[in-house]
């Protein structure tokens, strides 16, 4: 039996589990088993969302085309043909799901999303509310990407990523990634007999160095094991337990849930055999909804380069994810206030961070005390710093001296010796030109230089990624 607690479960089914790789005929036995599994979960009181690939595969079968297009007169033409095939296949695919679920009296709903839809905060929240209403009505939402109107630059790219973002949106307890292998292996089990199943992953960053992900995936799908690692990283960061397992026997989902229900409670004399699967454990400190939205659904419009001191502070949860101008050393690209930006850290070409990290952190943290408009930012430890002088400038802000050359931080120009690494994402409070104008300065000078200062923080809702090994 499944645990008595009502769960919210997202099930993702890949193209190779829905249609045959060469004939493109629907795999009715697998689809029927999935339907029975979902209906059984619903009968046990759980909420279920199904993320279904396969529209292009079904479209190929309908149009009697032998293979997914690789190139026609050019890449753009191939892209449009795939979108057309997806449009043809999607209506037949949802009709198939509706027919199968209808046999068991289970209502479903079609939800087509694009990254552009959920990059807008209002539309994102509307999608969340729609999901919640459907689930409260006992409906099973069936989710796919809306390929017809998706632009290539902002596509999810694969439904593994879409399923992870969906699981974050509905605050799921579990994300099941059904695929054509039983879990994450150290190598491709089809080619390497010594490949070993990895049962539990606590850090996706650490596991990348131990596994091979480049050889898995079907000719119809867009993913593979690498995209499942990315999906697991997104979902677990949002507090969702993520499981990779085989789609040949969907009913194994119950055994997996039961196994983890037993393993987290008392163990009897005859513990059950572990079903084949890989469990990615959820983060103990999941991202808040807004930070998850910022990190995983927005397409960055530009970059803000920070120093190691700012990075050290932002990496700590108590920082609140707010970046001061003092920690900025550069800006790349053009972006507007309110747009998402990548947070980059500058390193030498040799890969080492130029500053003494602890000294840089102490330097940056001086500015973390609140600044009142028209007053300097000061603490006892930094009261003598030149940019903290309490003076009344004739053309400055009351209590803050006019900005002079002595007050500015020298930002070394990029002469080819620097490299950058993305370490996070956030939402810009000022546009790129404004942030570039105040980079390296104390926040007390924002109003003087920009003519206004809605906030002392140049970027907020910053999420710092775990460093990959």
Protein backbone atom coordinates (compact mmCIF):
# COMPACT_ATOMS: atom_id res chain seq x y z
CA UNK A 1 0.00 0.00 0.00
CA UNK A 2 1.01 3.60 -0.63
CA UNK A 3 1.48 5.87 2.38
CA UNK A 4 -1.75 7.27 3.78
CA UNK A 5 -0.57 10.86 3.39
CA UNK A 6 -2.06 12.55 0.34
CA UNK A 7 0.76 13.39 -2.08
CA UNK A 8 1.10 15.60 -5.11
CA UNK A 9 2.91 13.62 -7.80
CA UNK A 10 4.16 14.73 -11.20
CA UNK A 11 4.73 11.94 -13.73
CA UNK A 12 6.79 12.65 -16.84
CA UNK A 13 6.63 10.28 -19.79
CA UNK A 14 9.14 10.65 -22.63
CA UNK A 15 8.56 10.19 -26.34
CA UNK A 16 10.31 6.80 -26.40
CA UNK A 17 7.76 5.57 -23.83
CA UNK A 18 4.78 6.82 -25.84
CA UNK A 19 5.50 5.93 -29.49
CA UNK A 20 7.61 3.27 -31.16
CA UNK A 21 10.96 4.65 -32.28
CA UNK A 22 10.71 3.43 -35.86
CA UNK A 23 7.01 2.86 -36.65
CA UNK A 24 5.81 5.83 -34.54
CA UNK A 25 2.77 3.80 -33.52
CA UNK A 26 1.48 4.60 -30.01
CA UNK A 27 2.64 2.10 -27.38
CA UNK A 28 -0.86 1.35 -26.16
CA UNK A 29 0.20 -1.17 -23.52
CA UNK A 30 2.48 1.37 -21.84
CA UNK A 31 -0.05 4.18 -22.14
CA UNK A 32 -2.80 2.00 -20.69
CA UNK A 33 -0.57 1.02 -17.78
CA UNK A 34 0.21 4.69 -17.11
CA UNK A 35 -3.51 5.52 -17.15
CA UNK A 36 -4.31 2.71 -14.72
CA UNK A 37 -1.47 3.82 -12.46
CA UNK A 38 -2.62 7.45 -12.42
CA UNK A 39 -6.26 6.49 -11.78
CA UNK A 40 -5.16 4.22 -8.93
CA UNK A 41 -3.17 7.09 -7.43
CA UNK A 42 -6.23 9.34 -7.72
CA UNK A 43 -8.37 6.69 -6.01
CA UNK A 44 -5.90 6.67 -3.12
CA UNK A 45 -6.42 10.41 -2.66
CA UNK A 46 -3.29 11.69 -4.37
CA UNK A 47 -3.10 14.60 -6.82
CA UNK A 48 -1.41 13.78 -10.12
CA UNK A 49 -0.03 15.85 -13.00
CA UNK A 50 1.08 14.09 -16.19
CA UNK A 51 3.75 15.69 -18.39
CA UNK A 52 3.51 14.01 -21.76
CA UNK A 53 5.93 14.20 -24.68
CA UNK A 54 5.23 12.50 -27.99
CA UNK A 55 3.40 15.11 -30.09
CA UNK A 56 6.02 15.16 -32.84
CA UNK A 57 6.22 11.35 -32.86
CA UNK A 58 2.44 11.07 -33.25
CA UNK A 59 2.57 13.77 -35.94
CA UNK A 60 5.17 11.76 -37.88
CA UNK A 61 2.90 8.72 -37.78
CA UNK A 62 -0.12 10.74 -38.93
CA UNK A 63 1.79 12.22 -41.88
CA UNK A 64 3.53 8.93 -42.73
CA UNK A 65 6.97 10.52 -42.41
CA UNK A 66 9.83 8.11 -41.70
CA UNK A 67 11.90 10.21 -39.30
CA UNK A 68 12.16 13.42 -37.35
CA UNK A 69 13.42 16.20 -39.68
CA UNK A 70 17.10 17.06 -39.34
CA UNK A 71 17.54 19.68 -42.06
CA UNK A 72 15.62 20.94 -45.07
CA UNK A 73 16.53 24.18 -46.80
CA UNK A 74 17.96 25.29 -43.49
CA UNK A 75 17.71 25.03 -39.73
CA UNK A 76 14.79 27.49 -39.57
CA UNK A 77 12.74 25.46 -42.05
CA UNK A 78 13.38 22.31 -40.03
CA UNK A 79 12.28 24.13 -36.88
CA UNK A 80 8.99 25.21 -38.47
CA UNK A 81 8.34 21.68 -39.76
CA UNK A 82 8.80 20.27 -36.27
CA UNK A 83 6.34 22.85 -34.94
CA UNK A 84 3.83 21.84 -37.63
CA UNK A 85 4.27 18.15 -36.78
CA UNK A 86 3.79 18.96 -33.09
CA UNK A 87 0.55 20.79 -33.89
CA UNK A 88 -0.69 17.81 -35.92
CA UNK A 89 0.34 15.30 -33.29
CA UNK A 90 -0.80 17.18 -30.18
CA UNK A 91 -4.52 17.01 -30.97
CA UNK A 92 -4.28 13.27 -31.70
CA UNK A 93 -2.17 12.70 -28.58
CA UNK A 94 -4.57 14.48 -26.22
CA UNK A 95 -7.49 12.67 -27.88
CA UNK A 96 -5.72 9.37 -27.17
CA UNK A 97 -5.16 10.30 -23.53
CA UNK A 98 -8.78 11.45 -23.18
CA UNK A 99 -10.05 8.20 -24.65
CA UNK A 100 -7.91 6.04 -22.34
CA UNK A 101 -8.68 8.04 -19.19
CA UNK A 102 -12.35 8.27 -20.21
CA UNK A 103 -12.61 4.49 -20.13
CA UNK A 104 -12.01 4.72 -16.38
CA UNK A 105 -14.09 7.85 -15.82
CA UNK A 106 -11.13 10.13 -15.06
CA UNK A 107 -11.44 13.71 -16.38
CA UNK A 108 -8.32 15.33 -17.81
CA UNK A 109 -7.28 18.81 -18.91
CA UNK A 110 -4.78 19.92 -21.53
CA UNK A 111 -2.21 22.50 -20.36
CA UNK A 112 0.18 23.85 -23.00
CA UNK A 113 2.97 26.07 -21.71
CA UNK A 114 5.92 28.00 -23.09
CA UNK A 115 8.83 29.50 -21.20
CA UNK A 116 7.55 32.88 -22.37
CA UNK A 117 4.23 32.20 -20.63
CA UNK A 118 5.79 31.66 -17.24
CA UNK A 119 8.56 34.23 -17.62
CA UNK A 120 5.88 36.82 -16.93
CA UNK A 121 5.14 36.77 -13.21
CA UNK A 122 1.40 37.44 -13.64
CA UNK A 123 0.96 34.67 -16.22
CA UNK A 124 3.08 32.34 -14.10
CA UNK A 125 0.82 32.88 -11.07
CA UNK A 126 -2.25 32.41 -13.27
CA UNK A 127 -0.86 29.05 -14.43
CA UNK A 128 -0.18 28.08 -10.80
CA UNK A 129 -3.73 28.99 -9.81
CA UNK A 130 -5.15 27.04 -12.75
CA UNK A 131 -3.14 23.96 -11.76
CA UNK A 132 -4.36 24.26 -8.17
CA UNK A 133 -7.99 24.59 -9.26
CA UNK A 134 -7.76 21.59 -11.61
CA UNK A 135 -6.18 19.43 -8.93
CA UNK A 136 -8.78 20.45 -6.34
CA UNK A 137 -11.48 19.41 -8.85
CA UNK A 138 -9.95 15.95 -9.16
CA UNK A 139 -8.80 16.54 -12.73
CA UNK A 140 -5.50 15.22 -14.10
CA UNK A 141 -3.71 18.03 -15.99
CA UNK A 142 -1.74 16.76 -18.99
CA UNK A 143 1.10 19.16 -19.71
CA UNK A 144 3.20 19.67 -22.83
CA UNK A 145 5.15 22.53 -24.36
CA UNK A 146 3.21 24.67 -26.82
CA UNK A 147 5.64 24.14 -29.70
CA UNK A 148 3.53 26.02 -32.24
CA UNK A 149 4.19 29.40 -30.66
CA UNK A 150 7.50 28.71 -28.88
CA UNK A 151 10.51 30.61 -30.15
CA UNK A 152 13.63 28.46 -30.40
CA UNK A 153 15.67 30.79 -28.17
CA UNK A 154 13.25 30.44 -25.24
CA UNK A 155 12.04 26.86 -25.58
CA UNK A 156 12.21 24.63 -22.53
CA UNK A 157 14.21 22.38 -24.86
CA UNK A 158 12.83 19.16 -23.45
CA UNK A 159 9.98 18.00 -21.25
CA UNK A 160 12.32 16.90 -18.46
CA UNK A 161 12.92 20.57 -17.70
CA UNK A 162 9.22 21.36 -18.15
CA UNK A 163 8.26 18.59 -15.72
CA UNK A 164 10.71 19.91 -13.11
CA UNK A 165 9.34 23.45 -13.39
CA UNK A 166 5.79 22.07 -13.24
CA UNK A 167 6.62 20.13 -10.08
CA UNK A 168 7.90 23.36 -8.52
CA UNK A 169 4.75 25.23 -9.57
CA UNK A 170 2.41 22.68 -7.94
CA UNK A 171 4.69 22.13 -4.90
CA UNK A 172 4.87 18.42 -5.69
CA UNK A 173 6.13 15.83 -3.23
CA UNK A 174 7.51 13.57 -5.98
CA UNK A 175 8.58 13.92 -9.60
CA UNK A 176 8.77 10.60 -11.47
CA UNK A 177 10.84 10.70 -14.66
CA UNK A 178 9.84 7.56 -16.56
CA UNK A 179 12.41 6.60 -19.17
CA UNK A 180 13.76 3.58 -21.07
CA UNK A 181 16.32 2.66 -18.38
CA UNK A 182 15.80 1.81 -14.72
CA UNK A 183 17.68 4.78 -13.30
CA UNK A 184 20.94 6.70 -13.40
CA UNK A 185 23.93 4.49 -14.24
CA UNK A 186 27.65 5.09 -14.07
CA UNK A 187 27.76 4.32 -17.83
CA UNK A 188 25.38 3.40 -20.63
CA UNK A 189 23.99 0.02 -19.50
CA UNK A 190 23.17 -0.91 -23.10
CA UNK A 191 26.85 -0.82 -24.05
CA UNK A 192 28.78 -1.31 -20.83
CA UNK A 193 27.98 -4.48 -18.85
CA UNK A 194 29.88 -3.11 -15.85
CA UNK A 195 27.55 -0.10 -15.59
CA UNK A 196 26.28 0.29 -12.04
CA UNK A 197 22.91 1.70 -10.96
CA UNK A 198 23.23 4.65 -8.60
CA UNK A 199 20.49 4.29 -6.01
CA UNK A 200 20.59 7.64 -4.18
CA UNK A 201 21.93 11.03 -5.26
CA UNK A 202 22.26 13.77 -2.67
CA UNK A 203 24.11 16.25 -4.92
CA UNK A 204 23.62 16.48 -8.67
CA UNK A 205 26.71 18.68 -8.86
CA UNK A 206 28.87 15.99 -7.27
CA UNK A 207 27.41 13.09 -9.26
CA UNK A 208 28.22 14.56 -12.69
CA UNK A 209 31.85 13.57 -12.40
CA UNK A 210 30.91 9.96 -11.68
CA UNK A 211 28.47 9.18 -14.49
CA UNK A 212 28.31 9.19 -18.27
CA UNK A 213 25.25 11.00 -19.64
CA UNK A 214 26.11 11.57 -23.28
CA UNK A 215 24.98 8.31 -24.85
CA UNK A 216 21.40 7.87 -23.71
CA UNK A 217 18.24 9.06 -25.46
CA UNK A 218 16.19 8.05 -28.48
CA UNK A 219 16.12 9.46 -31.98
CA UNK A 220 12.65 10.89 -31.35
CA UNK A 221 13.33 12.55 -28.02
CA UNK A 222 15.19 15.80 -27.36
CA UNK A 223 16.58 14.75 -24.01
CA UNK A 224 18.70 12.01 -22.54
CA UNK A 225 20.18 11.43 -19.12
CA UNK A 226 21.87 14.84 -18.98
CA UNK A 227 18.51 16.62 -19.23
CA UNK A 228 17.21 14.42 -16.42
CA UNK A 229 20.09 15.52 -14.21
CA UNK A 230 19.18 19.13 -14.98
CA UNK A 231 15.53 18.39 -14.18
CA UNK A 232 16.50 16.70 -10.92
CA UNK A 233 18.62 19.72 -9.99
CA UNK A 234 15.69 22.09 -10.57
CA UNK A 235 13.12 19.92 -8.78
CA UNK A 236 15.21 19.01 -5.75
CA UNK A 237 16.17 22.68 -5.27
CA UNK A 238 12.43 23.32 -4.94
CA UNK A 239 12.08 20.55 -2.34
CA UNK A 240 10.73 17.84 -4.67
CA UNK A 241 11.95 14.25 -4.34
CA UNK A 242 12.89 13.17 -7.88
CA UNK A 243 12.95 9.60 -9.14
CA UNK A 244 14.27 8.18 -12.41
CA UNK A 245 12.87 4.75 -13.23
CA UNK A 246 11.85 2.58 -16.17
CA UNK A 247 8.57 3.09 -18.01
CA UNK A 248 8.14 -0.57 -19.00
CA UNK A 249 6.36 -1.29 -15.71
CA UNK A 250 4.67 1.94 -14.51
CA UNK A 251 3.02 0.12 -11.62
CA UNK A 252 6.48 -0.01 -10.00
CA UNK A 253 5.69 3.55 -8.88
CA UNK A 254 3.64 2.08 -6.03
CA UNK A 255 6.46 -0.20 -4.93
CA UNK A 256 8.86 2.76 -4.97
CA UNK A 257 6.54 4.91 -2.86
CA UNK A 258 5.97 2.02 -0.48
CA UNK A 259 9.70 1.30 -0.24
CA UNK A 260 10.49 4.86 0.78
CA UNK A 261 7.50 4.94 3.09
CA UNK A 262 8.84 1.87 4.89
CA UNK A 263 12.46 2.98 4.81
CA UNK A 264 11.60 6.26 6.52
CA UNK A 265 9.67 4.46 9.24
CA UNK A 266 10.24 1.28 11.22
CA UNK A 267 12.02 -1.58 9.49
CA UNK A 268 10.61 -5.02 10.01
CA UNK A 269 12.33 -8.38 10.00
CA UNK A 270 11.66 -8.81 6.27
CA UNK A 271 12.37 -5.48 4.55
CA UNK A 272 11.02 -5.31 1.02
CA UNK A 273 13.35 -5.57 -1.96
CA UNK A 274 14.32 -2.19 -3.36
CA UNK A 275 12.66 -1.61 -6.78
CA UNK A 276 15.15 -0.43 -9.45
CA UNK A 277 15.27 3.37 -9.48
CA UNK A 278 17.43 6.37 -8.63
CA UNK A 279 16.26 8.77 -5.94
CA UNK A 280 17.45 12.39 -5.92
CA UNK A 281 16.88 13.68 -2.41
CA UNK A 282 15.21 17.09 -2.02
CA UNK A 283 17.03 20.11 -0.66
CA UNK A 284 16.70 20.62 3.08
CA UNK A 285 16.35 24.36 2.37
CA UNK A 286 14.12 24.58 -0.72
CA UNK A 287 13.95 27.79 -2.72
CA UNK A 288 11.07 30.14 -2.08
CA UNK A 289 8.55 30.33 -4.91
CA UNK A 290 9.84 33.69 -6.16
CA UNK A 291 13.47 32.57 -6.18
CA UNK A 292 12.57 29.31 -7.92
CA UNK A 293 10.69 31.33 -10.53
CA UNK A 294 13.60 33.72 -11.01
CA UNK A 295 16.20 30.99 -11.28
CA UNK A 296 14.47 28.46 -13.49
CA UNK A 297 11.78 30.13 -15.60
CA UNK A 298 13.26 33.47 -16.63
CA UNK A 299 15.53 33.95 -19.62
CA UNK A 300 18.34 36.30 -18.49
CA UNK A 301 18.55 39.57 -20.41
CA UNK A 302 22.12 40.37 -19.39
CA UNK A 303 24.89 39.83 -16.86
CA UNK A 304 26.06 41.49 -13.66
CA UNK A 305 29.66 40.68 -12.73
CA UNK A 306 30.42 40.68 -8.99
CA UNK A 307 33.55 40.34 -6.88
CA UNK A 308 34.35 37.41 -4.61
CA UNK A 309 33.32 39.32 -1.50
CA UNK A 310 29.80 39.85 -2.79
CA UNK A 311 29.67 36.23 -3.91
CA UNK A 312 30.71 35.02 -0.47
CA UNK A 313 27.98 37.08 1.19
CA UNK A 314 25.24 36.20 -1.33
CA UNK A 315 26.00 32.50 -0.96
CA UNK A 316 24.78 32.73 2.63
CA UNK A 317 21.05 32.34 3.13
CA UNK A 318 20.90 35.20 5.64
CA UNK A 319 21.96 37.66 2.93
CA UNK A 320 18.38 37.68 1.67
CA UNK A 321 19.62 37.47 -1.93
CA UNK A 322 20.17 41.22 -2.26
CA UNK A 323 23.17 42.69 -4.08
CA UNK A 324 24.65 46.14 -3.35
CA UNK A 325 26.38 48.26 -5.98
CA UNK A 326 29.61 48.02 -3.96
CA UNK A 327 29.98 44.37 -5.00
CA UNK A 328 29.51 44.98 -8.73
CA UNK A 329 32.59 45.11 -10.96
CA UNK A 330 30.94 45.07 -14.37
CA UNK A 331 27.80 44.81 -16.49
CA UNK A 332 27.29 42.92 -19.75
CA UNK A 333 24.47 43.37 -22.22
CA UNK A 334 21.50 45.74 -22.12
CA UNK A 335 18.61 45.02 -19.78
CA UNK A 336 15.77 46.91 -18.16
CA UNK A 337 14.76 47.21 -14.55
CA UNK A 338 12.77 44.13 -13.51
CA UNK A 339 14.42 41.76 -15.97
CA UNK A 340 16.33 38.66 -14.96
CA UNK A 341 20.13 38.78 -15.03
CA UNK A 342 22.90 36.25 -14.68
CA UNK A 343 25.23 36.79 -11.74
CA UNK A 344 28.83 36.19 -12.80
CA UNK A 345 31.99 36.06 -10.71
CA UNK A 346 35.27 37.24 -12.19
CA UNK A 347 38.27 34.93 -12.12
CA UNK A 348 41.73 35.04 -13.57
CA UNK A 349 42.36 33.12 -16.77
CA UNK A 350 44.10 30.49 -14.64
CA UNK A 351 40.79 29.89 -12.87
CA UNK A 352 41.63 31.44 -9.50
CA UNK A 353 39.70 34.24 -7.88
CA UNK A 354 41.84 37.41 -7.85
CA UNK A 355 40.96 38.69 -4.41
CA UNK A 356 41.56 37.29 -0.97
CA UNK A 357 38.03 35.90 -0.50
CA UNK A 358 37.78 36.65 3.23
CA UNK A 359 39.19 40.17 2.87
CA UNK A 360 36.84 40.83 -0.04
CA UNK A 361 33.89 39.53 1.96
CA UNK A 362 34.73 41.86 4.87
CA UNK A 363 35.04 44.77 2.44
CA UNK A 364 31.65 44.06 0.88
CA UNK A 365 29.84 43.35 4.14
CA UNK A 366 30.59 46.88 5.35
CA UNK A 367 27.71 48.11 3.24
CA UNK A 368 25.05 45.70 4.48
CA UNK A 369 23.68 47.95 7.23
CA UNK A 370 20.46 49.75 6.16
CA UNK A 371 20.87 53.14 4.50
CA UNK A 372 18.34 55.86 5.12
CA UNK A 373 17.77 58.26 2.23
CA UNK A 374 19.94 61.32 2.62
CA UNK A 375 22.22 59.78 5.23
CA UNK A 376 25.50 57.93 5.00
CA UNK A 377 25.84 54.23 5.56
CA UNK A 378 28.14 53.75 8.48
CA UNK A 379 29.18 51.35 11.19
CA UNK A 380 31.74 51.69 13.93
CA UNK A 381 34.22 49.55 12.05
CA UNK A 382 34.06 51.59 8.87
CA UNK A 383 33.13 55.05 10.09
CA UNK A 384 36.42 56.47 8.86
CA UNK A 385 36.09 55.17 5.31
CA UNK A 386 36.19 58.07 2.80
CA UNK A 387 32.79 57.30 1.32
CA UNK A 388 31.21 57.40 4.79
CA UNK A 389 32.05 61.03 5.64
CA UNK A 390 29.15 62.89 7.24
CA UNK A 391 29.26 66.16 5.40
CA UNK A 392 26.76 68.33 3.69
CA UNK A 393 27.81 68.87 0.11
CA UNK A 394 26.68 71.94 -1.74
CA UNK A 395 25.42 69.85 -4.65
CA UNK A 396 25.13 66.48 -2.95
CA UNK A 397 22.70 64.72 -0.69
CA UNK A 398 22.38 66.05 2.83
CA UNK A 399 24.72 64.09 5.08
CA UNK A 400 26.69 62.66 2.17
CA UNK A 401 29.66 64.40 0.63
CA UNK A 402 29.74 64.96 -3.13
CA UNK A 403 31.28 62.05 -4.98
CA UNK A 404 34.96 62.62 -5.72
CA UNK A 405 37.66 60.53 -7.37
CA UNK A 406 38.78 59.44 -3.93
CA UNK A 407 35.35 58.00 -3.26
CA UNK A 408 35.23 55.72 -6.29
CA UNK A 409 36.38 52.16 -6.48
CA UNK A 410 38.77 51.50 -9.32
CA UNK A 411 37.40 48.72 -11.53
CA UNK A 412 40.11 47.08 -13.58
CA UNK A 413 39.18 46.79 -17.25
CA UNK A 414 39.09 43.40 -18.92
CA UNK A 415 42.39 43.04 -20.74
CA UNK A 416 42.01 39.36 -21.53
CA UNK A 417 43.34 38.05 -18.23
CA UNK A 418 39.88 37.58 -16.73
CA UNK A 419 37.33 34.82 -17.11
CA UNK A 420 33.83 34.71 -15.67
CA UNK A 421 31.65 31.93 -14.28
CA UNK A 422 27.87 32.05 -13.79
CA UNK A 423 27.12 31.57 -10.11
CA UNK A 424 23.51 32.72 -9.82
CA UNK A 425 20.55 34.68 -11.13
CA UNK A 426 18.42 37.54 -9.89
CA UNK A 427 16.07 40.38 -10.80
CA UNK A 428 17.57 43.78 -11.63
CA UNK A 429 16.18 46.80 -9.76
CA UNK A 430 17.93 49.23 -12.13
CA UNK A 431 18.73 49.03 -15.84
CA UNK A 432 22.14 48.05 -17.18
CA UNK A 433 23.33 51.63 -17.77
CA UNK A 434 22.38 52.67 -14.24
CA UNK A 435 24.08 49.69 -12.60
CA UNK A 436 27.18 50.30 -14.69
CA UNK A 437 27.19 53.92 -13.50
CA UNK A 438 27.13 53.01 -9.79
CA UNK A 439 29.23 49.84 -9.83
CA UNK A 440 31.71 49.63 -6.99
CA UNK A 441 30.11 52.52 -5.07
CA UNK A 442 28.42 52.75 -1.73
CA UNK A 443 24.63 52.73 -2.04
CA UNK A 444 24.38 56.13 -0.35
CA UNK A 445 25.38 57.66 -3.70
CA UNK A 446 22.66 56.05 -5.85
CA UNK A 447 20.26 58.99 -5.60
CA UNK A 448 23.05 61.48 -6.28
CA UNK A 449 24.19 59.71 -9.44
CA UNK A 450 20.88 58.39 -10.79
CA UNK A 451 18.55 61.16 -9.69
CA UNK A 452 16.48 58.73 -7.62
CA UNK A 453 16.93 55.60 -5.50
CA UNK A 454 13.91 53.34 -5.15
CA UNK A 455 16.06 50.79 -3.34
CA UNK A 456 19.67 50.50 -2.25
CA UNK A 457 19.98 47.06 -3.85
CA UNK A 458 20.84 46.88 -7.54
CA UNK A 459 19.74 43.22 -7.86
CA UNK A 460 17.32 41.31 -5.63
CA UNK A 461 15.95 37.77 -5.34
CA UNK A 462 19.43 36.47 -6.10
CA UNK A 463 19.82 32.72 -6.05
CA UNK A 464 23.39 31.44 -5.87
CA UNK A 465 23.93 28.05 -7.47
CA UNK A 466 25.80 25.18 -5.87
CA UNK A 467 29.27 25.13 -7.38
CA UNK A 468 29.69 22.21 -9.81
CA UNK A 469 32.69 20.00 -9.29
